[in-house]
N, C-alpha and C. Protein backbone atom coordinates (compact mmCIF):
# COMPACT_ATOMS: atom_id res chain seq x y z
N MET A 1 0.98 -1.26 0.14
CA MET A 1 0.08 -0.11 -0.13
C MET A 1 0.91 1.23 0.05
N LEU A 2 0.73 2.31 -0.80
CA LEU A 2 1.16 3.47 -1.02
C LEU A 2 0.86 4.35 0.04
N LYS A 3 1.64 4.89 0.83
CA LYS A 3 1.29 5.89 1.88
C LYS A 3 1.37 7.13 1.48
N PRO A 4 0.72 8.20 2.03
CA PRO A 4 0.44 9.39 1.46
C PRO A 4 1.88 10.21 2.09
N ARG A 5 2.27 11.16 1.21
CA ARG A 5 3.37 11.97 1.74
C ARG A 5 2.68 13.16 2.68
N ASP A 6 3.74 13.79 3.34
CA ASP A 6 3.32 14.76 4.37
C ASP A 6 2.17 15.87 3.91
N TYR A 7 2.80 16.45 2.47
CA TYR A 7 1.88 17.50 2.05
C TYR A 7 0.53 16.65 1.58
N GLN A 8 0.35 15.73 1.14
CA GLN A 8 -0.77 15.01 0.85
C GLN A 8 -1.52 14.90 1.96
N LEU A 9 -0.90 14.50 3.07
CA LEU A 9 -1.94 14.14 4.34
C LEU A 9 -2.26 15.68 4.73
N ARG A 10 -1.44 16.61 4.76
CA ARG A 10 -2.00 17.98 4.97
C ARG A 10 -3.30 18.38 4.06
N ALA A 11 -3.10 18.17 3.03
CA ALA A 11 -4.33 18.47 1.91
C ALA A 11 -5.45 17.74 2.40
N ILE A 12 -5.31 16.38 2.56
CA ILE A 12 -6.45 15.51 3.08
C ILE A 12 -7.26 16.14 4.31
N GLU A 13 -6.27 16.37 5.24
CA GLU A 13 -6.83 17.10 6.71
C GLU A 13 -7.49 18.41 6.41
N ALA A 14 -7.13 19.12 5.43
CA ALA A 14 -7.58 20.35 5.17
C ALA A 14 -8.95 20.35 4.46
N VAL A 15 -9.19 19.26 3.63
CA VAL A 15 -10.38 18.90 3.10
C VAL A 15 -11.39 18.42 4.24
N GLU A 16 -10.84 17.58 4.91
CA GLU A 16 -11.67 17.07 6.06
C GLU A 16 -12.22 18.37 6.98
N ASN A 17 -11.24 19.10 7.44
CA ASN A 17 -11.49 20.21 8.23
C ASN A 17 -12.75 21.29 7.70
N ALA A 18 -12.46 21.32 6.34
CA ALA A 18 -13.46 22.18 5.72
C ALA A 18 -14.80 21.48 5.56
N TRP A 19 -14.72 20.42 5.45
CA TRP A 19 -16.17 19.76 5.58
C TRP A 19 -16.60 19.69 6.96
N ASP A 20 -15.75 19.34 7.71
CA ASP A 20 -16.23 19.32 9.28
C ASP A 20 -16.96 20.72 9.69
N SER A 21 -16.30 21.86 9.20
CA SER A 21 -16.80 23.23 9.48
C SER A 21 -17.93 23.56 8.44
N GLY A 22 -18.35 22.82 7.63
CA GLY A 22 -19.73 23.06 6.97
C GLY A 22 -19.56 23.25 5.62
N MET A 23 -18.40 23.59 4.98
CA MET A 23 -18.13 23.83 3.50
C MET A 23 -18.31 22.46 2.97
N LEU A 24 -19.03 22.44 1.73
CA LEU A 24 -19.45 21.47 0.96
C LEU A 24 -18.41 21.19 -0.09
N ARG A 25 -17.99 22.31 -0.67
CA ARG A 25 -17.18 22.17 -1.85
C ARG A 25 -15.78 22.89 -1.87
N PRO A 26 -14.79 22.31 -1.08
CA PRO A 26 -13.51 22.93 -0.87
C PRO A 26 -12.72 22.56 -2.44
N ALA A 27 -11.64 23.11 -2.75
CA ALA A 27 -10.93 22.53 -3.61
C ALA A 27 -9.45 22.52 -3.26
N VAL A 28 -8.59 21.72 -3.75
CA VAL A 28 -7.28 21.66 -3.67
C VAL A 28 -6.51 21.80 -4.90
N VAL A 29 -5.62 22.73 -4.65
CA VAL A 29 -4.61 22.95 -5.66
C VAL A 29 -3.22 22.16 -5.41
N LEU A 30 -2.69 21.43 -6.07
CA LEU A 30 -1.30 20.95 -6.16
C LEU A 30 -0.59 20.83 -7.56
N PRO A 31 0.38 20.91 -7.34
CA PRO A 31 1.30 21.19 -8.67
C PRO A 31 1.21 19.81 -9.44
N THR A 32 1.36 19.95 -10.68
CA THR A 32 1.55 18.68 -11.76
C THR A 32 2.56 17.64 -11.21
N GLY A 33 2.29 16.56 -11.12
CA GLY A 33 3.19 15.62 -10.53
C GLY A 33 3.51 15.46 -9.06
N SER A 34 2.53 15.96 -8.25
CA SER A 34 2.44 15.83 -7.07
C SER A 34 1.65 14.83 -6.31
N GLY A 35 1.06 14.16 -7.03
CA GLY A 35 0.24 12.93 -6.83
C GLY A 35 -1.19 13.52 -6.18
N LYS A 36 -1.89 14.35 -7.14
CA LYS A 36 -3.15 14.66 -6.69
C LYS A 36 -4.04 13.17 -6.56
N THR A 37 -3.96 12.36 -7.70
CA THR A 37 -4.83 11.11 -7.68
C THR A 37 -4.41 10.37 -6.33
N ILE A 38 -3.52 10.06 -5.95
CA ILE A 38 -2.92 9.48 -4.89
C ILE A 38 -3.56 10.07 -3.65
N THR A 39 -3.45 11.59 -3.73
CA THR A 39 -4.08 12.05 -2.54
C THR A 39 -5.70 11.99 -2.35
N PHE A 40 -6.34 12.04 -3.55
CA PHE A 40 -7.86 11.78 -3.32
C PHE A 40 -8.07 10.41 -3.25
N ALA A 41 -7.32 9.61 -3.43
CA ALA A 41 -7.70 8.08 -3.11
C ALA A 41 -7.40 7.84 -1.77
N HIS A 42 -6.35 8.45 -0.98
CA HIS A 42 -6.23 8.19 0.08
C HIS A 42 -7.50 9.21 0.89
N LEU A 43 -7.85 10.09 0.52
CA LEU A 43 -9.07 10.91 1.20
C LEU A 43 -10.42 9.92 1.14
N ILE A 44 -10.45 9.43 -0.04
CA ILE A 44 -11.72 8.47 -0.19
C ILE A 44 -11.40 7.21 0.76
N SER A 45 -10.40 6.56 0.91
CA SER A 45 -10.02 5.50 1.78
C SER A 45 -10.32 5.92 3.30
N ARG A 46 -10.45 7.09 3.53
CA ARG A 46 -10.92 7.52 4.96
C ARG A 46 -12.40 7.75 5.04
N ARG A 47 -13.16 7.86 4.16
CA ARG A 47 -14.30 8.21 4.12
C ARG A 47 -15.44 6.81 4.18
N LYS A 48 -16.37 6.96 5.02
CA LYS A 48 -17.46 5.99 4.93
C LYS A 48 -18.36 5.84 3.68
N GLY A 49 -18.90 4.93 3.39
CA GLY A 49 -19.86 4.80 2.34
C GLY A 49 -19.36 4.86 0.98
N LYS A 50 -20.10 5.18 -0.09
CA LYS A 50 -19.72 5.09 -1.47
C LYS A 50 -19.21 6.56 -1.75
N SER A 51 -18.27 6.48 -2.62
CA SER A 51 -17.44 7.60 -3.18
C SER A 51 -17.71 7.63 -4.81
N LEU A 52 -17.92 8.85 -5.41
CA LEU A 52 -17.79 9.07 -6.66
C LEU A 52 -16.60 9.74 -7.30
N VAL A 53 -15.79 9.50 -8.37
CA VAL A 53 -14.80 10.20 -8.71
C VAL A 53 -15.37 10.73 -10.24
N LEU A 54 -15.40 11.92 -10.50
CA LEU A 54 -15.84 12.40 -11.62
C LEU A 54 -14.52 12.83 -12.49
N VAL A 55 -14.40 12.24 -13.63
CA VAL A 55 -13.16 12.75 -14.47
C VAL A 55 -14.17 13.30 -15.99
N HIS A 56 -13.02 14.02 -16.66
CA HIS A 56 -13.50 14.43 -18.13
C HIS A 56 -12.91 13.89 -19.30
N ARG A 57 -11.97 12.92 -19.03
CA ARG A 57 -11.30 12.05 -19.93
C ARG A 57 -11.20 10.75 -19.79
N ASP A 58 -11.29 9.76 -20.80
CA ASP A 58 -10.99 8.47 -20.73
C ASP A 58 -9.72 7.88 -19.90
N GLU A 59 -8.58 8.54 -20.39
CA GLU A 59 -7.45 8.25 -19.86
C GLU A 59 -7.29 8.70 -18.27
N LEU A 60 -8.04 9.53 -17.79
CA LEU A 60 -8.28 9.86 -16.26
C LEU A 60 -8.98 8.74 -15.63
N VAL A 61 -9.85 8.18 -16.41
CA VAL A 61 -10.54 7.02 -15.56
C VAL A 61 -9.69 5.86 -15.19
N ARG A 62 -8.95 5.50 -16.38
CA ARG A 62 -7.85 4.46 -16.08
C ARG A 62 -7.03 4.77 -15.04
N GLN A 63 -6.41 6.06 -15.00
CA GLN A 63 -5.43 6.64 -13.95
C GLN A 63 -5.92 6.56 -12.74
N ALA A 64 -7.29 6.95 -12.46
CA ALA A 64 -7.98 7.12 -10.99
C ALA A 64 -8.06 5.58 -10.65
N VAL A 65 -8.68 4.61 -11.41
CA VAL A 65 -8.80 3.17 -11.04
C VAL A 65 -7.30 2.73 -10.57
N ASP A 66 -6.60 2.78 -11.49
CA ASP A 66 -5.26 2.08 -11.00
C ASP A 66 -4.76 2.59 -9.64
N LYS A 67 -4.76 4.34 -9.42
CA LYS A 67 -4.14 4.82 -8.27
C LYS A 67 -4.97 4.32 -7.13
N ILE A 68 -6.29 4.33 -7.03
CA ILE A 68 -7.02 3.95 -6.31
C ILE A 68 -6.65 2.50 -5.60
N LYS A 69 -6.74 1.69 -6.66
CA LYS A 69 -6.25 0.17 -6.31
C LYS A 69 -4.98 0.17 -5.83
N MET A 70 -3.94 1.01 -6.11
CA MET A 70 -2.73 1.15 -5.66
C MET A 70 -2.58 1.24 -4.24
N ILE A 71 -3.47 2.02 -3.65
CA ILE A 71 -3.47 2.34 -1.99
C ILE A 71 -4.26 1.29 -1.38
N GLY A 72 -4.67 0.32 -2.08
CA GLY A 72 -5.42 -0.71 -1.29
C GLY A 72 -6.90 -0.95 -1.55
N LEU A 73 -7.54 -0.04 -1.96
CA LEU A 73 -8.97 -0.06 -2.16
C LEU A 73 -9.27 -0.94 -3.61
N GLU A 74 -9.89 -1.99 -3.40
CA GLU A 74 -10.07 -2.96 -4.69
C GLU A 74 -11.26 -2.77 -5.15
N ASP A 75 -12.22 -2.38 -4.51
CA ASP A 75 -13.92 -2.45 -4.82
C ASP A 75 -14.24 -1.12 -5.47
N VAL A 76 -13.46 -1.14 -6.90
CA VAL A 76 -13.62 0.40 -7.74
C VAL A 76 -14.44 -0.32 -9.13
N GLY A 77 -15.37 0.55 -9.23
CA GLY A 77 -16.29 0.38 -10.52
C GLY A 77 -16.00 1.54 -11.41
N VAL A 78 -16.49 1.21 -12.62
CA VAL A 78 -16.25 2.36 -13.70
C VAL A 78 -17.85 2.51 -14.36
N VAL A 79 -18.07 3.72 -14.69
CA VAL A 79 -19.30 3.93 -15.33
C VAL A 79 -18.67 4.96 -16.62
N LYS A 80 -18.90 4.54 -17.64
CA LYS A 80 -18.67 5.08 -18.75
C LYS A 80 -18.88 4.12 -19.85
N ALA A 81 -19.29 4.83 -21.35
CA ALA A 81 -19.64 3.95 -22.40
C ALA A 81 -20.41 2.67 -21.89
N GLY A 82 -19.84 1.45 -22.19
CA GLY A 82 -20.50 0.29 -22.16
C GLY A 82 -20.37 -0.22 -20.70
N ARG A 83 -19.44 0.32 -19.57
CA ARG A 83 -19.54 -0.16 -18.29
C ARG A 83 -20.64 0.77 -17.22
N ASN A 84 -21.00 -0.11 -16.37
CA ASN A 84 -21.95 0.64 -15.52
C ASN A 84 -21.84 -0.14 -14.14
N GLU A 85 -20.70 -0.18 -13.73
CA GLU A 85 -20.52 -0.99 -12.38
C GLU A 85 -20.78 0.08 -11.17
N THR A 86 -22.12 0.41 -10.77
CA THR A 86 -22.61 1.29 -9.86
C THR A 86 -22.71 0.67 -8.45
N ASP A 87 -22.02 -0.85 -8.11
CA ASP A 87 -22.27 -1.41 -7.12
C ASP A 87 -21.13 -1.24 -6.28
N ALA A 88 -20.15 -0.71 -6.70
CA ALA A 88 -18.80 -0.84 -6.19
C ALA A 88 -18.71 0.29 -5.09
N ARG A 89 -17.85 0.08 -4.13
CA ARG A 89 -17.63 1.15 -3.15
C ARG A 89 -17.24 2.56 -3.60
N VAL A 90 -16.27 2.52 -4.57
CA VAL A 90 -15.61 3.70 -5.20
C VAL A 90 -16.15 3.49 -6.73
N ILE A 91 -16.72 4.65 -7.46
CA ILE A 91 -17.08 4.44 -8.62
C ILE A 91 -16.41 5.51 -9.28
N VAL A 92 -15.53 5.51 -10.51
CA VAL A 92 -15.05 6.30 -11.28
C VAL A 92 -15.81 6.52 -12.50
N ALA A 93 -16.28 7.62 -12.90
CA ALA A 93 -17.04 7.87 -13.99
C ALA A 93 -16.80 9.13 -14.73
N SER A 94 -17.09 9.12 -15.98
CA SER A 94 -17.08 10.11 -16.98
C SER A 94 -18.28 11.13 -16.68
N PHE A 95 -18.00 12.39 -16.71
CA PHE A 95 -19.17 13.36 -16.50
C PHE A 95 -19.83 13.24 -17.67
N GLN A 96 -19.52 13.14 -18.77
CA GLN A 96 -20.01 12.95 -20.31
C GLN A 96 -21.06 11.92 -20.32
N THR A 97 -20.73 10.48 -19.31
CA THR A 97 -21.63 9.69 -19.40
C THR A 97 -22.87 9.86 -18.39
N LEU A 98 -22.29 10.71 -17.24
CA LEU A 98 -23.24 10.91 -16.15
C LEU A 98 -24.27 12.18 -16.65
N PHE A 99 -23.86 12.80 -17.78
CA PHE A 99 -24.82 13.74 -18.24
C PHE A 99 -26.18 13.15 -18.83
N ASN A 100 -25.89 11.74 -19.17
CA ASN A 100 -27.42 11.04 -19.24
C ASN A 100 -27.93 10.80 -18.28
N GLU A 101 -29.49 11.24 -18.11
CA GLU A 101 -30.14 11.09 -16.97
C GLU A 101 -30.26 9.56 -16.61
N ASN A 102 -30.22 8.64 -17.45
CA ASN A 102 -30.59 7.40 -17.01
C ASN A 102 -29.25 6.82 -16.40
N ARG A 103 -28.25 7.30 -16.79
CA ARG A 103 -26.94 6.76 -15.86
C ARG A 103 -26.49 7.48 -14.76
N LEU A 104 -27.00 8.81 -14.64
CA LEU A 104 -27.09 9.58 -13.37
C LEU A 104 -27.94 9.36 -12.22
N LYS A 105 -29.14 9.12 -12.60
CA LYS A 105 -30.17 8.72 -11.66
C LYS A 105 -30.02 7.83 -10.51
N PRO A 106 -29.37 6.44 -11.11
CA PRO A 106 -29.22 5.48 -10.02
C PRO A 106 -28.16 5.95 -9.06
N LEU A 107 -27.31 6.97 -9.36
CA LEU A 107 -26.20 7.29 -8.25
C LEU A 107 -26.68 8.26 -7.18
N VAL A 108 -27.59 9.10 -7.81
CA VAL A 108 -28.10 10.52 -6.81
C VAL A 108 -28.80 9.83 -5.83
N GLY A 109 -28.30 10.33 -4.60
CA GLY A 109 -28.96 9.67 -3.20
C GLY A 109 -28.14 8.50 -2.70
N ASN A 110 -27.13 7.96 -3.51
CA ASN A 110 -26.43 6.98 -2.92
C ASN A 110 -25.06 6.96 -3.01
N ILE A 111 -24.54 8.30 -3.01
CA ILE A 111 -23.21 8.71 -2.90
C ILE A 111 -22.74 9.50 -1.69
N ASP A 112 -21.82 9.12 -1.07
CA ASP A 112 -21.55 9.80 0.28
C ASP A 112 -20.26 10.86 0.21
N THR A 113 -19.52 10.65 -0.92
CA THR A 113 -18.51 11.65 -1.19
C THR A 113 -18.26 11.76 -2.58
N VAL A 114 -18.14 13.02 -3.14
CA VAL A 114 -17.49 13.19 -4.71
C VAL A 114 -16.37 13.93 -4.85
N VAL A 115 -15.46 13.27 -5.69
CA VAL A 115 -14.24 13.90 -5.92
C VAL A 115 -14.23 14.41 -7.43
N VAL A 116 -13.92 15.54 -7.76
CA VAL A 116 -13.79 15.82 -9.05
C VAL A 116 -12.28 16.38 -9.35
N ASP A 117 -11.71 15.34 -10.43
CA ASP A 117 -10.36 15.22 -10.87
C ASP A 117 -10.40 16.44 -12.05
N GLU A 118 -9.28 17.49 -12.09
CA GLU A 118 -9.25 18.39 -13.01
C GLU A 118 -10.46 19.33 -12.98
N CYS A 119 -10.45 19.79 -11.68
CA CYS A 119 -11.78 20.63 -11.19
C CYS A 119 -12.07 21.89 -11.77
N HIS A 120 -11.14 22.42 -12.77
CA HIS A 120 -11.29 23.65 -13.15
C HIS A 120 -12.12 23.46 -14.59
N HIS A 121 -12.57 22.21 -14.90
CA HIS A 121 -13.45 21.74 -16.04
C HIS A 121 -14.80 21.76 -15.35
N ALA A 122 -15.12 22.06 -14.05
CA ALA A 122 -16.40 21.68 -13.52
C ALA A 122 -17.27 23.02 -13.80
N ALA A 123 -16.81 24.05 -14.17
CA ALA A 123 -17.60 25.21 -14.42
C ALA A 123 -18.26 25.22 -15.98
N ALA A 124 -18.11 24.10 -16.77
CA ALA A 124 -18.81 24.01 -17.79
C ALA A 124 -20.28 23.50 -17.53
N PRO A 125 -21.21 24.01 -18.19
CA PRO A 125 -22.67 23.93 -17.92
C PRO A 125 -22.96 22.52 -18.02
N ALA A 126 -22.47 21.38 -18.78
CA ALA A 126 -22.89 20.02 -18.68
C ALA A 126 -22.18 19.34 -17.58
N PHE A 127 -21.09 19.85 -17.04
CA PHE A 127 -20.44 19.17 -16.00
C PHE A 127 -21.04 19.87 -14.79
N LEU A 128 -21.46 20.81 -14.67
CA LEU A 128 -22.30 21.53 -13.54
C LEU A 128 -23.54 20.95 -13.20
N ARG A 129 -24.20 20.73 -14.39
CA ARG A 129 -25.65 20.05 -14.46
C ARG A 129 -25.39 18.68 -13.53
N VAL A 130 -24.38 17.68 -13.92
CA VAL A 130 -23.92 16.64 -13.08
C VAL A 130 -23.60 16.98 -11.69
N LEU A 131 -22.44 17.75 -11.56
CA LEU A 131 -22.36 17.86 -10.14
C LEU A 131 -23.28 18.67 -9.21
N ASP A 132 -24.17 19.41 -9.82
CA ASP A 132 -25.49 19.90 -9.17
C ASP A 132 -26.43 18.77 -8.44
N SER A 133 -26.44 17.76 -9.29
CA SER A 133 -26.93 16.58 -8.70
C SER A 133 -26.66 16.08 -7.30
N PHE A 134 -25.51 16.40 -6.95
CA PHE A 134 -24.83 15.98 -5.62
C PHE A 134 -24.69 17.22 -4.62
N SER A 135 -25.45 18.18 -4.77
CA SER A 135 -25.52 19.51 -4.24
C SER A 135 -25.28 19.35 -2.67
N THR A 136 -25.76 18.37 -2.03
CA THR A 136 -25.78 18.22 -0.64
C THR A 136 -24.77 17.23 -0.02
N VAL A 137 -23.94 16.69 -1.07
CA VAL A 137 -22.93 15.72 -0.73
C VAL A 137 -21.54 16.35 -0.68
N PRO A 138 -20.79 15.92 0.45
CA PRO A 138 -19.29 16.59 0.52
C PRO A 138 -18.75 16.20 -0.81
N THR A 139 -18.14 17.43 -1.41
CA THR A 139 -17.60 17.24 -2.65
C THR A 139 -16.12 18.19 -2.60
N VAL A 140 -15.12 17.48 -3.38
CA VAL A 140 -13.89 18.14 -3.25
C VAL A 140 -13.41 17.99 -4.75
N GLY A 141 -12.71 19.19 -5.19
CA GLY A 141 -12.12 19.31 -6.45
C GLY A 141 -10.65 19.54 -6.41
N PHE A 142 -9.90 18.73 -7.22
CA PHE A 142 -8.51 18.66 -7.33
C PHE A 142 -8.11 19.05 -8.45
N THR A 143 -6.98 19.96 -8.65
CA THR A 143 -6.65 20.54 -9.87
C THR A 143 -5.03 21.02 -9.76
N ALA A 144 -4.29 21.20 -10.78
CA ALA A 144 -3.10 21.95 -10.87
C ALA A 144 -3.11 23.27 -11.03
N THR A 145 -4.42 23.71 -11.85
CA THR A 145 -4.56 25.14 -12.34
C THR A 145 -5.83 25.55 -12.03
N MET A 146 -6.25 26.44 -10.90
CA MET A 146 -7.11 26.88 -10.64
C MET A 146 -7.89 27.97 -11.53
N SER A 147 -7.80 27.89 -12.77
CA SER A 147 -8.07 28.72 -13.53
C SER A 147 -8.61 28.26 -14.83
N ARG A 148 -9.39 29.10 -15.77
CA ARG A 148 -9.83 28.65 -17.05
C ARG A 148 -9.36 29.62 -18.07
N SER A 149 -9.08 29.12 -19.44
CA SER A 149 -8.70 29.86 -20.26
C SER A 149 -9.87 30.74 -20.98
N ASP A 150 -10.97 30.53 -20.66
CA ASP A 150 -12.19 31.11 -21.07
C ASP A 150 -12.81 32.17 -20.19
N ASP A 151 -11.89 32.29 -18.94
CA ASP A 151 -12.29 33.40 -18.12
C ASP A 151 -13.64 33.23 -17.42
N ILE A 152 -14.26 31.94 -17.40
CA ILE A 152 -15.35 31.62 -16.50
C ILE A 152 -14.89 31.38 -15.12
N GLY A 153 -15.73 32.05 -14.20
CA GLY A 153 -15.19 31.92 -12.74
C GLY A 153 -15.43 30.52 -12.15
N LEU A 154 -14.65 30.23 -10.99
CA LEU A 154 -14.94 28.92 -10.56
C LEU A 154 -15.46 29.18 -9.16
N GLY A 155 -15.60 30.44 -8.59
CA GLY A 155 -16.13 30.85 -7.28
C GLY A 155 -17.62 30.28 -7.11
N ASP A 156 -18.24 30.03 -8.35
CA ASP A 156 -19.64 29.61 -8.13
C ASP A 156 -19.78 27.90 -7.96
N VAL A 157 -18.56 27.31 -8.39
CA VAL A 157 -18.32 25.89 -8.20
C VAL A 157 -17.84 25.54 -6.67
N TRP A 158 -16.43 26.04 -6.54
CA TRP A 158 -15.80 25.92 -5.46
C TRP A 158 -15.75 26.72 -4.37
N GLN A 159 -16.20 26.59 -3.15
CA GLN A 159 -16.01 27.61 -2.25
C GLN A 159 -14.81 28.40 -1.85
N ASP A 160 -13.90 27.33 -1.48
CA ASP A 160 -12.59 27.98 -1.21
C ASP A 160 -11.39 27.05 -1.61
N VAL A 161 -10.21 27.57 -1.84
CA VAL A 161 -8.89 26.42 -2.05
C VAL A 161 -8.44 26.08 -0.45
N VAL A 162 -8.52 25.14 -0.09
CA VAL A 162 -7.98 24.91 1.12
C VAL A 162 -6.56 24.04 1.26
């Protein structure tokens, strides 16, 4: 099992403290190559219930599944294209697939934690529609770049960078 580094542990604790204080959507900014996926995998391992990891590209689905399993969580399912493994403790899904109401609906009300990888993409209208379906669920976004090239603000999605 891969253990978190000190800075990753501090990021996890900052998210947990934000949630404990009532913040529902904190964000974490870590540099490229610093192990954001490993960090959120460890965060998920500390949570009870089911977790959903939202990604925007196929390669990020594979990366998230691999890293989550690398830290010792084996019950990982995928929701994208022809796969619909919603019974797993951790579900990695493409937001494009969950934009389909038939794929999204079975997850709403059944998820206890949401993680958004590359969370600067979450301000896109389609992504927001999916994310807003989990508006009462503790959610965290991870990114290396908390800005967008189209100048759409992220303050409506993420409450604070912790």
